[in-house]
Amino acid sequence: MNNKVAVVILAAGMGTRMKSDKAKVLHEIAGRPMIAYVVEVAQQIAGNNVIVVIGNQAPAVRASLSAYPKLLFAYQDQQRGTAHAVLCALPHIPDHCEQVIILCGDVPLIQPETIAGLVKDHLDDARDISLLAVDLDNPFGYGRVLVNEKNAIAAIIEEADATVEQKKIKLINTGVYCINKNLLLEALPKIGSDNAQGELYLTDVIGIGYRENRKMGVRISADSQQILGVNTCQDLELVEGIMKKRQRIIP
């Protein structure tokens, strides 16, 4: 799409809720590791400028992607949160890339046209940060997107840190971002771990951007299926059913 765009795929997590010895992103959907679907979407957007952050069972995850020889890999040695994962990827982002798209390796239903729309909005509006969001009737478990009186992003509050009122918000963070690389370089070192999980949240970049009057915007997707994350065996079964219907393997 644009040689100045890079994609970082977060794929280092433990996936403990899967109740399996296998790394979460290696669980198969329609006969393929879920991470492969995300990589193919990323390459349609950014060509060879794709960095996969690996950690848990790194050799196995890397081996599962041997069919994509142009991939770049970053290693996250400790599970310290999403912001830390992106920090690990920064040195691997090609110098010519100006914008960074961030995807999760456990969201295999995401489509390239959805990412392309986010990037187009981001570039057309000359934003520093763009976020893909969706409205969910049951937003439990997702970070809530807070907007101010001008409908600009004010913050993202994770489920564990949200108040009772904030938990009523239905606009949720999909975990898909397009962020100016220079802003990432400036903001990531400022992020702390003063939260319920004791982790470095990438979502805190939004709060930093708000305080610094950066230009930020939301693209709201109408297709909530695309952002379904696989965290449990039940999620895996649900997503596989959708994928098979999409591939016309079943009626």
Protein backbone atom coordinates (compact mmCIF):
# COMPACT_ATOMS: atom_id res chain seq x y z
CA MET A 1 0.00 0.00 0.00
CA ASN A 2 2.70 2.46 1.00
CA ASN A 3 6.42 1.75 1.37
CA LYS A 4 6.50 4.28 4.23
CA VAL A 5 4.19 2.11 6.35
CA ALA A 6 5.37 -0.72 8.63
CA VAL A 7 3.30 -3.29 10.48
CA VAL A 8 4.17 -4.66 13.92
CA ILE A 9 2.38 -7.88 14.89
CA LEU A 10 2.26 -8.70 18.60
CA ALA A 11 2.72 -12.47 18.94
CA ALA A 12 4.81 -13.01 22.09
CA GLY A 13 2.05 -13.73 24.61
CA MET A 14 1.60 -16.80 26.76
CA GLY A 15 -2.08 -17.48 26.05
CA THR A 16 -2.65 -19.12 29.44
CA ARG A 17 -6.45 -19.06 29.04
CA MET A 18 -6.16 -21.52 26.14
CA LYS A 19 -5.27 -24.25 28.70
CA SER A 20 -2.70 -25.61 26.26
CA ASP A 21 1.05 -26.14 26.09
CA LYS A 22 1.06 -24.66 22.60
CA ALA A 23 1.70 -20.91 22.09
CA LYS A 24 -1.62 -19.20 21.45
CA VAL A 25 -0.78 -17.90 17.96
CA LEU A 26 0.15 -21.44 16.86
CA HIS A 27 -3.36 -22.80 17.42
CA GLU A 28 -4.82 -23.69 14.06
CA ILE A 29 -7.83 -22.24 12.33
CA ALA A 30 -8.99 -24.11 9.23
CA GLY A 31 -5.74 -26.05 9.23
CA ARG A 32 -3.32 -23.11 9.56
CA PRO A 33 -1.73 -21.31 12.54
CA MET A 34 -3.80 -18.22 13.32
CA ILE A 35 -0.71 -15.99 13.10
CA ALA A 36 -0.39 -16.83 9.37
CA TYR A 37 -3.66 -15.05 8.56
CA VAL A 38 -2.50 -11.88 10.28
CA VAL A 39 0.90 -11.98 8.54
CA GLU A 40 -0.73 -12.26 5.11
CA VAL A 41 -2.95 -9.25 5.79
CA ALA A 42 0.07 -7.29 7.06
CA GLN A 43 2.10 -8.06 3.95
CA GLN A 44 -0.74 -6.90 1.71
CA ILE A 45 -0.53 -3.54 3.47
CA ALA A 46 3.19 -3.08 4.12
CA GLY A 47 5.02 -5.52 1.85
CA ASN A 48 8.35 -6.47 3.41
CA ASN A 49 8.02 -3.93 6.24
CA VAL A 50 6.43 -6.43 8.64
CA ILE A 51 7.87 -7.15 12.10
CA VAL A 52 6.56 -10.02 14.24
CA VAL A 53 7.25 -9.72 17.97
CA ILE A 54 7.88 -13.20 19.36
CA GLY A 55 8.66 -14.43 22.87
CA ASN A 56 6.79 -17.44 24.21
CA GLN A 57 7.92 -20.51 22.20
CA ALA A 58 9.73 -18.13 19.84
CA PRO A 59 11.50 -20.84 17.76
CA ALA A 60 8.23 -22.66 17.09
CA VAL A 61 6.39 -19.45 16.15
CA ARG A 62 9.22 -18.43 13.85
CA ALA A 63 9.31 -21.90 12.25
CA SER A 64 5.55 -21.75 11.63
CA LEU A 65 6.14 -18.67 9.47
CA SER A 66 8.98 -20.09 7.37
CA ALA A 67 6.82 -19.68 4.27
CA TYR A 68 7.25 -15.90 4.63
CA PRO A 69 11.04 -15.43 4.25
CA LYS A 70 10.92 -11.61 4.11
CA LEU A 71 9.43 -11.29 7.60
CA LEU A 72 11.39 -9.43 10.27
CA PHE A 73 11.37 -10.67 13.87
CA ALA A 74 11.81 -8.92 17.23
CA TYR A 75 12.24 -10.80 20.49
CA GLN A 76 10.42 -9.87 23.71
CA ASP A 77 12.28 -11.69 26.46
CA GLN A 78 9.84 -10.77 29.25
CA GLN A 79 6.05 -10.43 29.13
CA ARG A 80 5.88 -6.82 30.26
CA GLY A 81 2.90 -5.65 28.22
CA THR A 82 1.98 -4.37 24.78
CA ALA A 83 3.99 -1.15 24.99
CA HIS A 84 7.09 -3.14 25.88
CA ALA A 85 6.45 -5.45 22.91
CA VAL A 86 6.34 -2.46 20.53
CA LEU A 87 9.49 -1.08 22.15
CA CYS A 88 11.20 -4.35 21.28
CA ALA A 89 10.07 -3.97 17.66
CA LEU A 90 11.16 -0.35 17.17
CA PRO A 91 14.82 -1.08 16.30
CA HIS A 92 13.67 -3.43 13.54
CA ILE A 93 11.36 -0.95 11.79
CA PRO A 94 13.01 0.16 8.52
CA ASP A 95 14.29 3.74 8.62
CA HIS A 96 12.20 4.80 5.62
CA CYS A 97 8.91 3.89 7.36
CA GLU A 98 7.06 6.87 8.81
CA GLN A 99 3.85 5.26 10.10
CA VAL A 100 3.48 2.10 12.19
CA ILE A 101 0.41 -0.13 12.15
CA ILE A 102 0.04 -2.36 15.19
CA LEU A 103 -1.88 -5.64 14.95
CA CYS A 104 -2.40 -8.55 17.32
CA GLY A 105 -1.39 -12.04 16.25
CA ASP A 106 -4.53 -13.56 17.78
CA VAL A 107 -7.04 -11.64 15.62
CA PRO A 108 -7.03 -13.75 12.43
CA LEU A 109 -10.28 -12.46 10.92
CA ILE A 110 -8.95 -8.94 10.28
CA GLN A 111 -9.12 -7.91 6.61
CA PRO A 112 -6.70 -5.80 4.54
CA GLU A 113 -9.38 -3.35 3.40
CA THR A 114 -10.16 -2.55 7.05
CA ILE A 115 -6.50 -1.74 7.74
CA ALA A 116 -6.22 0.20 4.48
CA GLY A 117 -9.22 2.32 5.50
CA LEU A 118 -7.61 3.10 8.85
CA VAL A 119 -4.34 4.13 7.18
CA LYS A 120 -6.16 6.27 4.60
CA ASP A 121 -8.05 8.15 7.33
CA HIS A 122 -4.79 8.57 9.27
CA LEU A 123 -2.87 10.02 6.31
CA ASP A 124 -5.72 12.09 4.85
CA ASP A 125 -6.31 13.78 8.21
CA ALA A 126 -2.56 14.09 8.96
CA ARG A 127 -3.02 12.46 12.36
CA ASP A 128 -0.40 11.39 14.87
CA ILE A 129 -2.51 8.48 16.17
CA SER A 130 -5.45 6.62 14.65
CA LEU A 131 -7.36 3.87 16.38
CA LEU A 132 -9.71 1.25 15.00
CA ALA A 133 -12.73 0.89 17.29
CA VAL A 134 -16.07 -0.91 17.26
CA ASP A 135 -19.30 -0.66 19.22
CA LEU A 136 -20.11 -3.85 21.11
CA ASP A 137 -23.33 -4.65 22.95
CA ASN A 138 -21.26 -6.73 25.37
CA PRO A 139 -17.92 -4.93 25.74
CA PHE A 140 -16.73 -6.99 28.71
CA GLY A 141 -13.00 -7.67 28.62
CA TYR A 142 -12.12 -4.93 26.16
CA GLY A 143 -10.52 -1.55 26.74
CA ARG A 144 -13.09 1.27 26.60
CA VAL A 145 -12.47 4.30 24.38
CA LEU A 146 -13.13 7.58 26.18
CA VAL A 147 -13.93 10.66 24.13
CA ASN A 148 -14.12 14.29 25.25
CA GLU A 149 -16.82 16.88 24.57
CA LYS A 150 -15.36 17.44 21.07
CA ASN A 151 -15.54 13.71 20.33
CA ALA A 152 -11.75 13.41 20.28
CA ILE A 153 -10.03 10.45 21.94
CA ALA A 154 -9.19 11.25 25.55
CA ALA A 155 -8.02 7.84 26.79
CA ILE A 156 -8.43 4.09 26.65
CA ILE A 157 -9.23 2.39 29.93
CA GLU A 158 -8.55 -1.33 30.29
CA GLU A 159 -11.31 -3.51 31.77
CA ALA A 160 -9.31 -4.16 34.96
CA ASP A 161 -8.84 -0.43 35.57
CA ALA A 162 -12.30 0.81 34.51
CA THR A 163 -14.84 2.30 36.92
CA VAL A 164 -18.44 1.07 37.02
CA GLU A 165 -19.48 4.00 34.78
CA GLN A 166 -16.64 3.45 32.32
CA LYS A 167 -17.60 -0.20 31.98
CA LYS A 168 -20.95 0.94 30.53
CA ILE A 169 -19.15 2.43 27.51
CA LYS A 170 -19.71 0.28 24.41
CA LEU A 171 -17.04 1.80 22.14
CA ILE A 172 -14.07 -0.52 22.50
CA ASN A 173 -10.44 -0.59 21.45
CA THR A 174 -9.71 -3.29 18.86
CA GLY A 175 -5.96 -3.14 19.51
CA VAL A 176 -5.37 -1.98 15.93
CA TYR A 177 -3.53 1.33 15.60
CA CYS A 178 -1.75 3.49 13.08
CA ILE A 179 0.79 5.71 14.85
CA ASN A 180 3.44 8.12 13.62
CA LYS A 181 6.80 6.46 14.22
CA ASN A 182 8.38 9.59 15.71
CA LEU A 183 5.57 9.83 18.25
CA LEU A 184 6.12 6.19 19.21
CA LEU A 185 9.82 6.86 19.72
CA GLU A 186 8.98 9.79 22.02
CA ALA A 187 6.01 8.32 23.88
CA LEU A 188 6.93 4.70 24.62
CA PRO A 189 9.74 5.54 27.09
CA LYS A 190 7.26 7.70 29.06
CA ILE A 191 4.85 4.84 29.76
CA GLY A 192 4.74 3.47 33.30
CA SER A 193 3.27 0.33 34.84
CA ASP A 194 0.99 1.91 37.47
CA ASN A 195 -2.08 -0.17 36.68
CA ALA A 196 -3.90 -3.29 37.88
CA GLN A 197 -1.76 -5.61 35.75
CA GLY A 198 1.58 -3.92 36.47
CA GLU A 199 2.27 -3.85 32.72
CA LEU A 200 3.31 -1.28 30.14
CA TYR A 201 0.10 -0.63 28.19
CA LEU A 202 0.32 0.57 24.60
CA THR A 203 -3.04 2.24 25.21
CA ASP A 204 -1.23 4.80 27.40
CA VAL A 205 0.14 6.31 24.19
CA ILE A 206 -3.37 7.74 23.71
CA GLY A 207 -3.24 9.52 27.06
CA ILE A 208 0.19 10.93 26.27
CA GLY A 209 -1.06 12.11 22.88
CA TYR A 210 -4.07 13.77 24.50
CA ARG A 211 -1.95 15.61 27.06
CA GLU A 212 0.43 16.78 24.35
CA ASN A 213 -2.41 17.93 22.05
CA ARG A 214 -1.49 15.46 19.34
CA LYS A 215 -3.92 14.94 16.49
CA MET A 216 -5.81 11.70 17.17
CA GLY A 217 -8.82 10.08 15.61
CA VAL A 218 -10.98 6.96 15.60
CA ARG A 219 -12.18 4.91 12.68
CA ILE A 220 -15.23 2.92 13.75
CA SER A 221 -15.63 -0.38 11.95
CA ALA A 222 -19.10 -1.78 11.40
CA ASP A 223 -17.78 -5.36 11.32
CA SER A 224 -17.11 -6.49 14.87
CA GLN A 225 -16.37 -10.05 13.72
CA GLN A 226 -13.06 -8.95 12.21
CA ILE A 227 -11.65 -7.95 15.58
CA LEU A 228 -12.62 -11.09 17.49
CA GLY A 229 -9.59 -12.14 19.52
CA VAL A 230 -8.79 -15.75 20.35
CA ASN A 231 -8.21 -16.06 24.09
CA THR A 232 -9.99 -19.31 24.95
CA CYS A 233 -10.84 -22.62 23.28
CA GLN A 234 -14.40 -21.32 22.88
CA ASP A 235 -13.08 -18.27 21.03
CA LEU A 236 -11.03 -20.55 18.78
CA GLU A 237 -14.10 -22.59 17.89
CA LEU A 238 -16.14 -19.47 17.15
CA VAL A 239 -13.47 -17.88 14.96
CA GLU A 240 -12.84 -21.12 13.08
CA GLY A 241 -16.53 -21.38 12.26
CA ILE A 242 -16.52 -17.85 10.85
CA MET A 243 -13.31 -18.49 8.90
CA LYS A 244 -14.67 -21.67 7.33
CA LYS A 245 -17.85 -19.88 6.25
CA ARG A 246 -15.71 -17.11 4.78
CA GLN A 247 -13.66 -19.68 2.87
CA ARG A 248 -16.85 -21.51 1.78
CA ILE A 249 -15.54 -24.74 3.30
CA ILE A 250 -18.96 -25.17 4.91
CA PRO A 251 -22.35 -23.81 3.68
